[in-house]
Amino acid sequence: MIGGSFVGVELNNVTNGATVTGNNIGVDAGGTAGIPNNYGMTVFRGDSHNISGNVISGNTGTGLQLDTTTNTTVANNYVGTKAGGMVAMSNQVGIQGYCGTNLRVQFNTVSGNTNRA
């Protein structure tokens, strides 16, 4: 469980190959109650990161922000929902990307966010 911070998880200038999997970011350990961050997760620079199997919800700003990263995979996450993907627990923005190359965003449940996916 990662909550109550400005940024829940931050990969800032991490060189290569970080894996973030199986976390509840912005929600409690059961994935059902909000413990918001401003940003759920930010990825800035680096190569070949893997972000999978997380619940990224309930954050007051962006759930997941990707900026200037390459060959990064975002898969099988719940973004803007409670664990299980059936009930909304919104971020302001679900997933947002800037200046990325070869980003693979696939098989995520992105729903319930207040502004856009």
Foldseek 3Di string as FASTA:
>chain_A
DFADEQEREEAAVPAEEAEAADEEFQADPQQPHGREHQERYEHEEYEQYEYEHYEQAQYAAESYEYEHYENYEHAHYEFQAGPPLPHGREYQHTYYYYNYYHYHYDHYRHDNHNHYD
